[in-house]
Amino acid sequence: MSDKNKTATRCDKATHVCDKAQYKEATIWEKLKLNIHLIFCGTCRDYSKNNACLTSVIEKSKICCLDKACKESMKKQIDQAIKENDL
């Protein structure tokens, strides 16, 4: 395997851990390895900064999501409308 492919694989793993860390799903060991990788990789460092910025913007936006019951109700209404229009 070439060095370029090894680096790409490491960066793929690093960005995956970065995403997991954003949602507080990464283990301490994964975060430690990510931070070591970020010391040496500017591209992943930029990705991590952008991820943190995006998370901050979304949290500040105070977006309200629909609850599961509301989504199910909407789905039933859409399915019913489709059935009525197919006839």
PDB file of N, CA and C in Angstrom:
ATOM      1  N   MET A   1       0.848  -1.174   0.000  1.00  0.00           N
ATOM      2  CA  MET A   1       0.000   0.000   0.000  1.00  0.00           C
ATOM      3  C   MET A   1       0.896   1.240   0.000  1.00  0.00           C
ATOM      4  N   SER A   2       0.568   2.216  -0.810  1.00  0.00           N
ATOM      5  CA  SER A   2       1.384   3.417  -0.887  1.00  0.00           C
ATOM      6  C   SER A   2       1.162   4.284   0.345  1.00  0.00           C
ATOM      7  N   ASP A   3       2.105   5.202   0.597  1.00  0.00           N
ATOM      8  CA  ASP A   3       1.980   6.098   1.743  1.00  0.00           C
ATOM      9  C   ASP A   3       0.749   6.990   1.621  1.00  0.00           C
ATOM     10  N   LYS A   4       0.427   7.384   0.372  1.00  0.00           N
ATOM     11  CA  LYS A   4      -0.741   8.237   0.155  1.00  0.00           C
ATOM     12  C   LYS A   4      -2.015   7.514   0.593  1.00  0.00           C
ATOM     13  N   ASN A   5      -2.138   6.243   0.264  1.00  0.00           N
ATOM     14  CA  ASN A   5      -3.320   5.464   0.663  1.00  0.00           C
ATOM     15  C   ASN A   5      -3.373   5.281   2.179  1.00  0.00           C
ATOM     16  N   LYS A   6      -2.207   5.077   2.812  1.00  0.00           N
ATOM     17  CA  LYS A   6      -2.172   4.938   4.268  1.00  0.00           C
ATOM     18  C   LYS A   6      -2.638   6.225   4.935  1.00  0.00           C
ATOM     19  N   THR A   7      -2.175   7.358   4.416  1.00  0.00           N
ATOM     20  CA  THR A   7      -2.564   8.649   4.974  1.00  0.00           C
ATOM     21  C   THR A   7      -4.056   8.882   4.789  1.00  0.00           C
ATOM     22  N   ALA A   8      -4.575   8.570   3.607  1.00  0.00           N
ATOM     23  CA  ALA A   8      -5.999   8.753   3.338  1.00  0.00           C
ATOM     24  C   ALA A   8      -6.835   7.900   4.283  1.00  0.00           C
ATOM     25  N   THR A   9      -6.380   6.667   4.533  1.00  0.00           N
ATOM     26  CA  THR A   9      -7.103   5.780   5.443  1.00  0.00           C
ATOM     27  C   THR A   9      -7.087   6.353   6.852  1.00  0.00           C
ATOM     28  N   ARG A  10      -5.935   6.863   7.283  1.00  0.00           N
ATOM     29  CA  ARG A  10      -5.850   7.457   8.622  1.00  0.00           C
ATOM     30  C   ARG A  10      -6.768   8.669   8.724  1.00  0.00           C
ATOM     31  N   CYS A  11      -6.793   9.475   7.683  1.00  0.00           N
ATOM     32  CA  CYS A  11      -7.650  10.669   7.688  1.00  0.00           C
ATOM     33  C   CYS A  11      -9.122  10.281   7.681  1.00  0.00           C
ATOM     34  N   ASP A  12      -9.474   9.232   6.954  1.00  0.00           N
ATOM     35  CA  ASP A  12     -10.862   8.753   6.964  1.00  0.00           C
ATOM     36  C   ASP A  12     -11.273   8.353   8.378  1.00  0.00           C
ATOM     37  N   LYS A  13     -10.384   7.636   9.047  1.00  0.00           N
ATOM     38  CA  LYS A  13     -10.678   7.219  10.418  1.00  0.00           C
ATOM     39  C   LYS A  13     -10.751   8.427  11.347  1.00  0.00           C
ATOM     40  N   ALA A  14      -9.853   9.382  11.141  1.00  0.00           N
ATOM     41  CA  ALA A  14      -9.823  10.576  11.994  1.00  0.00           C
ATOM     42  C   ALA A  14     -11.099  11.393  11.840  1.00  0.00           C
ATOM     43  N   THR A  15     -11.563  11.568  10.609  1.00  0.00           N
ATOM     44  CA  THR A  15     -12.788  12.347  10.410  1.00  0.00           C
ATOM     45  C   THR A  15     -13.997  11.608  10.990  1.00  0.00           C
ATOM     46  N   HIS A  16     -13.970  10.281  10.919  1.00  0.00           N
ATOM     47  CA  HIS A  16     -15.060   9.492  11.508  1.00  0.00           C
ATOM     48  C   HIS A  16     -15.083   9.690  13.024  1.00  0.00           C
ATOM     49  N   VAL A  17     -13.919   9.647  13.656  1.00  0.00           N
ATOM     50  CA  VAL A  17     -13.841   9.845  15.106  1.00  0.00           C
ATOM     51  C   VAL A  17     -14.225  11.281  15.454  1.00  0.00           C
ATOM     52  N   CYS A  18     -13.837  12.227  14.617  1.00  0.00           N
ATOM     53  CA  CYS A  18     -14.211  13.625  14.820  1.00  0.00           C
ATOM     54  C   CYS A  18     -15.729  13.762  14.839  1.00  0.00           C
ATOM     55  N   ASP A  19     -16.401  13.099  13.905  1.00  0.00           N
ATOM     56  CA  ASP A  19     -17.859  13.119  13.865  1.00  0.00           C
ATOM     57  C   ASP A  19     -18.447  12.468  15.117  1.00  0.00           C
ATOM     58  N   LYS A  20     -17.867  11.335  15.538  1.00  0.00           N
ATOM     59  CA  LYS A  20     -18.349  10.661  16.742  1.00  0.00           C
ATOM     60  C   LYS A  20     -18.160  11.544  17.973  1.00  0.00           C
ATOM     61  N   ALA A  21     -17.027  12.230  18.038  1.00  0.00           N
ATOM     62  CA  ALA A  21     -16.746  13.103  19.176  1.00  0.00           C
ATOM     63  C   ALA A  21     -17.743  14.255  19.229  1.00  0.00           C
ATOM     64  N   GLN A  22     -18.149  14.743  18.064  1.00  0.00           N
ATOM     65  CA  GLN A  22     -19.118  15.832  17.986  1.00  0.00           C
ATOM     66  C   GLN A  22     -20.426  15.432  18.670  1.00  0.00           C
ATOM     67  N   TYR A  23     -20.810  14.175  18.562  1.00  0.00           N
ATOM     68  CA  TYR A  23     -22.045  13.685  19.160  1.00  0.00           C
ATOM     69  C   TYR A  23     -21.798  12.949  20.473  1.00  0.00           C
ATOM     70  N   LYS A  24     -20.600  13.135  21.027  1.00  0.00           N
ATOM     71  CA  LYS A  24     -20.200  12.540  22.308  1.00  0.00           C
ATOM     72  C   LYS A  24     -20.303  11.014  22.309  1.00  0.00           C
ATOM     73  N   GLU A  25     -19.914  10.408  21.175  1.00  0.00           N
ATOM     74  CA  GLU A  25     -19.947   8.958  21.047  1.00  0.00           C
ATOM     75  C   GLU A  25     -18.547   8.348  20.984  1.00  0.00           C
ATOM     76  N   ALA A  26     -17.507   9.182  20.955  1.00  0.00           N
ATOM     77  CA  ALA A  26     -16.137   8.683  20.843  1.00  0.00           C
ATOM     78  C   ALA A  26     -15.596   8.312  22.223  1.00  0.00           C
ATOM     79  N   THR A  27     -14.782   7.264  22.251  1.00  0.00           N
ATOM     80  CA  THR A  27     -14.152   6.857  23.503  1.00  0.00           C
ATOM     81  C   THR A  27     -12.965   7.778  23.794  1.00  0.00           C
ATOM     82  N   ILE A  28     -12.488   7.718  25.008  1.00  0.00           N
ATOM     83  CA  ILE A  28     -11.326   8.524  25.387  1.00  0.00           C
ATOM     84  C   ILE A  28     -10.129   8.152  24.519  1.00  0.00           C
ATOM     85  N   TRP A  29      -9.954   6.861  24.275  1.00  0.00           N
ATOM     86  CA  TRP A  29      -8.837   6.379  23.459  1.00  0.00           C
ATOM     87  C   TRP A  29      -8.941   6.929  22.026  1.00  0.00           C
ATOM     88  N   GLU A  30     -10.142   6.926  21.461  1.00  0.00           N
ATOM     89  CA  GLU A  30     -10.340   7.458  20.112  1.00  0.00           C
ATOM     90  C   GLU A  30     -10.034   8.953  20.069  1.00  0.00           C
ATOM     91  N   LYS A  31     -10.474   9.677  21.094  1.00  0.00           N
ATOM     92  CA  LYS A  31     -10.214  11.121  21.140  1.00  0.00           C
ATOM     93  C   LYS A  31      -8.724  11.404  21.271  1.00  0.00           C
ATOM     94  N   LEU A  32      -8.032  10.597  22.052  1.00  0.00           N
ATOM     95  CA  LEU A  32      -6.586  10.766  22.211  1.00  0.00           C
ATOM     96  C   LEU A  32      -5.873  10.552  20.883  1.00  0.00           C
ATOM     97  N   LYS A  33      -6.213   9.464  20.184  1.00  0.00           N
ATOM     98  CA  LYS A  33      -5.597   9.197  18.880  1.00  0.00           C
ATOM     99  C   LYS A  33      -5.936  10.292  17.877  1.00  0.00           C
ATOM    100  N   LEU A  34      -7.176  10.807  17.939  1.00  0.00           N
ATOM    101  CA  LEU A  34      -7.579  11.888  17.047  1.00  0.00           C
ATOM    102  C   LEU A  34      -6.736  13.127  17.309  1.00  0.00           C
ATOM    103  N   ASN A  35      -6.562  13.492  18.574  1.00  0.00           N
ATOM    104  CA  ASN A  35      -5.775  14.684  18.898  1.00  0.00           C
ATOM    105  C   ASN A  35      -4.328  14.549  18.453  1.00  0.00           C
ATOM    106  N   ILE A  36      -3.774  13.373  18.557  1.00  0.00           N
ATOM    107  CA  ILE A  36      -2.406  13.154  18.059  1.00  0.00           C
ATOM    108  C   ILE A  36      -2.383  13.314  16.546  1.00  0.00           C
ATOM    109  N   HIS A  37      -3.368  12.762  15.870  1.00  0.00           N
ATOM    110  CA  HIS A  37      -3.445  12.890  14.412  1.00  0.00           C
ATOM    111  C   HIS A  37      -3.579  14.357  14.012  1.00  0.00           C
ATOM    112  N   LEU A  38      -4.381  15.123  14.758  1.00  0.00           N
ATOM    113  CA  LEU A  38      -4.617  16.529  14.429  1.00  0.00           C
ATOM    114  C   LEU A  38      -3.353  17.377  14.574  1.00  0.00           C
ATOM    115  N   ILE A  39      -2.441  16.951  15.437  1.00  0.00           N
ATOM    116  CA  ILE A  39      -1.171  17.670  15.584  1.00  0.00           C
ATOM    117  C   ILE A  39      -0.404  17.669  14.261  1.00  0.00           C
ATOM    118  N   PHE A  40      -0.476  16.555  13.542  1.00  0.00           N
ATOM    119  CA  PHE A  40       0.319  16.387  12.325  1.00  0.00           C
ATOM    120  C   PHE A  40      -0.445  16.652  11.032  1.00  0.00           C
ATOM    121  N   CYS A  41      -1.763  16.675  11.066  1.00  0.00           N
ATOM    122  CA  CYS A  41      -2.545  16.759   9.835  1.00  0.00           C
ATOM    123  C   CYS A  41      -3.392  18.036   9.792  1.00  0.00           C
ATOM    124  N   GLY A  42      -2.970  18.979   8.992  1.00  0.00           N
ATOM    125  CA  GLY A  42      -3.677  20.243   8.864  1.00  0.00           C
ATOM    126  C   GLY A  42      -5.046  20.093   8.238  1.00  0.00           C
ATOM    127  N   THR A  43      -5.172  19.169   7.298  1.00  0.00           N
ATOM    128  CA  THR A  43      -6.459  18.963   6.633  1.00  0.00           C
ATOM    129  C   THR A  43      -7.510  18.499   7.635  1.00  0.00           C
ATOM    130  N   CYS A  44      -7.169  17.538   8.458  1.00  0.00           N
ATOM    131  CA  CYS A  44      -8.114  17.042   9.464  1.00  0.00           C
ATOM    132  C   CYS A  44      -8.339  18.080  10.556  1.00  0.00           C
ATOM    133  N   ARG A  45      -7.302  18.872  10.853  1.00  0.00           N
ATOM    134  CA  ARG A  45      -7.456  19.958  11.818  1.00  0.00           C
ATOM    135  C   ARG A  45      -8.510  20.949  11.322  1.00  0.00           C
ATOM    136  N   ASP A  46      -8.439  21.302  10.027  1.00  0.00           N
ATOM    137  CA  ASP A  46      -9.440  22.197   9.432  1.00  0.00           C
ATOM    138  C   ASP A  46     -10.829  21.565   9.479  1.00  0.00           C
ATOM    139  N   TYR A  47     -10.903  20.272   9.164  1.00  0.00           N
ATOM    140  CA  TYR A  47     -12.185  19.567   9.205  1.00  0.00           C
ATOM    141  C   TYR A  47     -12.770  19.636  10.612  1.00  0.00           C
ATOM    142  N   SER A  48     -11.930  19.409  11.612  1.00  0.00           N
ATOM    143  CA  SER A  48     -12.371  19.422  12.997  1.00  0.00           C
ATOM    144  C   SER A  48     -12.872  20.814  13.397  1.00  0.00           C
ATOM    145  N   LYS A  49     -12.160  21.861  12.978  1.00  0.00           N
ATOM    146  CA  LYS A  49     -12.589  23.236  13.268  1.00  0.00           C
ATOM    147  C   LYS A  49     -13.933  23.529  12.614  1.00  0.00           C
ATOM    148  N   ASN A  50     -14.079  23.130  11.361  1.00  0.00           N
ATOM    149  CA  ASN A  50     -15.338  23.355  10.652  1.00  0.00           C
ATOM    150  C   ASN A  50     -16.486  22.594  11.312  1.00  0.00           C
ATOM    151  N   ASN A  51     -16.212  21.376  11.764  1.00  0.00           N
ATOM    152  CA  ASN A  51     -17.219  20.572  12.456  1.00  0.00           C
ATOM    153  C   ASN A  51     -17.669  21.274  13.742  1.00  0.00           C
ATOM    154  N   ALA A  52     -16.701  21.781  14.498  1.00  0.00           N
ATOM    155  CA  ALA A  52     -17.023  22.478  15.745  1.00  0.00           C
ATOM    156  C   ALA A  52     -17.831  23.742  15.467  1.00  0.00           C
ATOM    157  N   CYS A  53     -17.468  24.457  14.409  1.00  0.00           N
ATOM    158  CA  CYS A  53     -18.188  25.672  14.033  1.00  0.00           C
ATOM    159  C   CYS A  53     -19.625  25.336  13.637  1.00  0.00           C
ATOM    160  N   LEU A  54     -19.799  24.306  12.838  1.00  0.00           N
ATOM    161  CA  LEU A  54     -21.130  23.884  12.411  1.00  0.00           C
ATOM    162  C   LEU A  54     -21.989  23.493  13.610  1.00  0.00           C
ATOM    163  N   THR A  55     -21.439  22.745  14.524  1.00  0.00           N
ATOM    164  CA  THR A  55     -22.160  22.343  15.724  1.00  0.00           C
ATOM    165  C   THR A  55     -22.596  23.566  16.525  1.00  0.00           C
ATOM    166  N   SER A  56     -21.696  24.521  16.667  1.00  0.00           N
ATOM    167  CA  SER A  56     -22.002  25.743  17.405  1.00  0.00           C
ATOM    168  C   SER A  56     -23.137  26.523  16.749  1.00  0.00           C
ATOM    169  N   VAL A  57     -23.086  26.662  15.439  1.00  0.00           N
ATOM    170  CA  VAL A  57     -24.125  27.397  14.715  1.00  0.00           C
ATOM    171  C   VAL A  57     -25.478  26.711  14.859  1.00  0.00           C
ATOM    172  N   ILE A  58     -25.496  25.399  14.750  1.00  0.00           N
ATOM    173  CA  ILE A  58     -26.749  24.652  14.873  1.00  0.00           C
ATOM    174  C   ILE A  58     -27.319  24.783  16.285  1.00  0.00           C
ATOM    175  N   GLU A  59     -26.461  24.701  17.292  1.00  0.00           N
ATOM    176  CA  GLU A  59     -26.945  24.829  18.668  1.00  0.00           C
ATOM    177  C   GLU A  59     -27.493  26.227  18.940  1.00  0.00           C
ATOM    178  N   LYS A  60     -26.857  27.248  18.389  1.00  0.00           N
ATOM    179  CA  LYS A  60     -27.316  28.624  18.583  1.00  0.00           C
ATOM    180  C   LYS A  60     -28.608  28.923  17.825  1.00  0.00           C
ATOM    181  N   SER A  61     -28.875  28.173  16.764  1.00  0.00           N
ATOM    182  CA  SER A  61     -30.042  28.453  15.939  1.00  0.00           C
ATOM    183  C   SER A  61     -31.352  28.066  16.621  1.00  0.00           C
ATOM    184  N   LYS A  62     -31.277  27.253  17.657  1.00  0.00           N
ATOM    185  CA  LYS A  62     -32.456  26.818  18.413  1.00  0.00           C
ATOM    186  C   LYS A  62     -33.515  26.198  17.507  1.00  0.00           C
ATOM    187  N   ILE A  63     -33.067  25.346  16.604  1.00  0.00           N
ATOM    188  CA  ILE A  63     -33.976  24.647  15.698  1.00  0.00           C
ATOM    189  C   ILE A  63     -34.783  23.627  16.497  1.00  0.00           C
ATOM    190  N   CYS A  64     -36.074  23.621  16.280  1.00  0.00           N
ATOM    191  CA  CYS A  64     -36.950  22.651  16.944  1.00  0.00           C
ATOM    192  C   CYS A  64     -37.294  21.539  15.960  1.00  0.00           C
ATOM    193  N   CYS A  65     -37.098  20.316  16.386  1.00  0.00           N
ATOM    194  CA  CYS A  65     -37.421  19.167  15.544  1.00  0.00           C
ATOM    195  C   CYS A  65     -38.788  18.610  15.943  1.00  0.00           C
ATOM    196  N   LEU A  66     -39.412  17.961  14.992  1.00  0.00           N
ATOM    197  CA  LEU A  66     -40.696  17.319  15.279  1.00  0.00           C
ATOM    198  C   LEU A  66     -40.475  16.080  16.129  1.00  0.00           C
ATOM    199  N   ASP A  67     -41.406  15.821  17.027  1.00  0.00           N
ATOM    200  CA  ASP A  67     -41.297  14.596  17.806  1.00  0.00           C
ATOM    201  C   ASP A  67     -41.768  13.415  16.957  1.00  0.00           C
ATOM    202  N   LYS A  68     -41.502  12.224  17.443  1.00  0.00           N
ATOM    203  CA  LYS A  68     -41.789  11.014  16.675  1.00  0.00           C
ATOM    204  C   LYS A  68     -43.281  10.859  16.358  1.00  0.00           C
ATOM    205  N   ALA A  69     -44.137  11.177  17.300  1.00  0.00           N
ATOM    206  CA  ALA A  69     -45.592  11.041  17.088  1.00  0.00           C
ATOM    207  C   ALA A  69     -46.069  11.970  15.981  1.00  0.00           C
ATOM    208  N   CYS A  70     -45.555  13.176  15.962  1.00  0.00           N
ATOM    209  CA  CYS A  70     -45.939  14.145  14.930  1.00  0.00           C
ATOM    210  C   CYS A  70     -45.473  13.676  13.546  1.00  0.00           C
ATOM    211  N   LYS A  71     -44.253  13.141  13.490  1.00  0.00           N
ATOM    212  CA  LYS A  71     -43.735  12.625  12.218  1.00  0.00           C
ATOM    213  C   LYS A  71     -44.596  11.477  11.703  1.00  0.00           C
ATOM    214  N   GLU A  72     -44.981  10.576  12.604  1.00  0.00           N
ATOM    215  CA  GLU A  72     -45.825   9.442  12.216  1.00  0.00           C
ATOM    216  C   GLU A  72     -47.178   9.918  11.704  1.00  0.00           C
ATOM    217  N   SER A  73     -47.748  10.919  12.372  1.00  0.00           N
ATOM    218  CA  SER A  73     -49.029  11.468  11.954  1.00  0.00           C
ATOM    219  C   SER A  73     -48.927  12.075  10.552  1.00  0.00           C
ATOM    220  N   MET A  74     -47.859  12.821  10.313  1.00  0.00           N
ATOM    221  CA  MET A  74     -47.651  13.425   8.995  1.00  0.00           C
ATOM    222  C   MET A  74     -47.490  12.350   7.930  1.00  0.00           C
ATOM    223  N   LYS A  75     -46.745  11.282   8.273  1.00  0.00           N
ATOM    224  CA  LYS A  75     -46.528  10.195   7.320  1.00  0.00           C
ATOM    225  C   LYS A  75     -47.853   9.544   6.945  1.00  0.00           C
ATOM    226  N   LYS A  76     -48.710   9.308   7.941  1.00  0.00           N
ATOM    227  CA  LYS A  76     -50.021   8.710   7.660  1.00  0.00           C
ATOM    228  C   LYS A  76     -50.852   9.620   6.757  1.00  0.00           C
ATOM    229  N   GLN A  77     -50.817  10.917   7.020  1.00  0.00           N
ATOM    230  CA  GLN A  77     -51.567  11.867   6.197  1.00  0.00           C
ATOM    231  C   GLN A  77     -51.056  11.870   4.751  1.00  0.00           C
ATOM    232  N   ILE A  78     -49.745  11.829   4.589  1.00  0.00           N
ATOM    233  CA  ILE A  78     -49.156  11.809   3.238  1.00  0.00           C
ATOM    234  C   ILE A  78     -49.519  10.522   2.528  1.00  0.00           C
ATOM    235  N   ASP A  79     -49.390   9.387   3.231  1.00  0.00           N
ATOM    236  CA  ASP A  79     -49.750   8.102   2.623  1.00  0.00           C
ATOM    237  C   ASP A  79     -51.213   8.076   2.207  1.00  0.00           C
ATOM    238  N   GLN A  80     -52.081   8.634   3.059  1.00  0.00           N
ATOM    239  CA  GLN A  80     -53.513   8.675   2.731  1.00  0.00           C
ATOM    240  C   GLN A  80     -53.757   9.552   1.498  1.00  0.00           C
ATOM    241  N   ALA A  81     -53.094  10.691   1.435  1.00  0.00           N
ATOM    242  CA  ALA A  81     -53.262  11.594   0.289  1.00  0.00           C
ATOM    243  C   ALA A  81     -52.773  10.932  -0.997  1.00  0.00           C
ATOM    244  N   ILE A  82     -51.702  10.174  -0.909  1.00  0.00           N
ATOM    245  CA  ILE A  82     -51.192   9.471  -2.090  1.00  0.00           C
ATOM    246  C   ILE A  82     -52.199   8.422  -2.558  1.00  0.00           C
ATOM    247  N   LYS A  83     -52.752   7.665  -1.612  1.00  0.00           N
ATOM    248  CA  LYS A  83     -53.756   6.645  -1.959  1.00  0.00           C
ATOM    249  C   LYS A  83     -54.970   7.279  -2.617  1.00  0.00           C
ATOM    250  N   GLU A  84     -55.435   8.380  -2.089  1.00  0.00           N
ATOM    251  CA  GLU A  84     -56.610   9.065  -2.633  1.00  0.00           C
ATOM    252  C   GLU A  84     -56.361   9.590  -4.034  1.00  0.00           C
ATOM    253  N   ASN A  85     -55.152  10.054  -4.297  1.00  0.00           N
ATOM    254  CA  ASN A  85     -54.836  10.601  -5.624  1.00  0.00           C
ATOM    255  C   ASN A  85     -54.486   9.528  -6.645  1.00  0.00           C
ATOM    256  N   ASP A  86     -54.149   8.339  -6.185  1.00  0.00           N
ATOM    257  CA  ASP A  86     -53.836   7.242  -7.112  1.00  0.00           C
ATOM    258  C   ASP A  86     -55.103   6.620  -7.701  1.00  0.00           C
ATOM    259  N   LEU A  87     -56.214   6.751  -7.037  1.00  0.00           N
ATOM    260  CA  LEU A  87     -57.456   6.145  -7.500  1.00  0.00           C
ATOM    261  C   LEU A  87     -57.963   6.869  -8.660  1.00  0.00           C
TER     262      LEU A  87
END
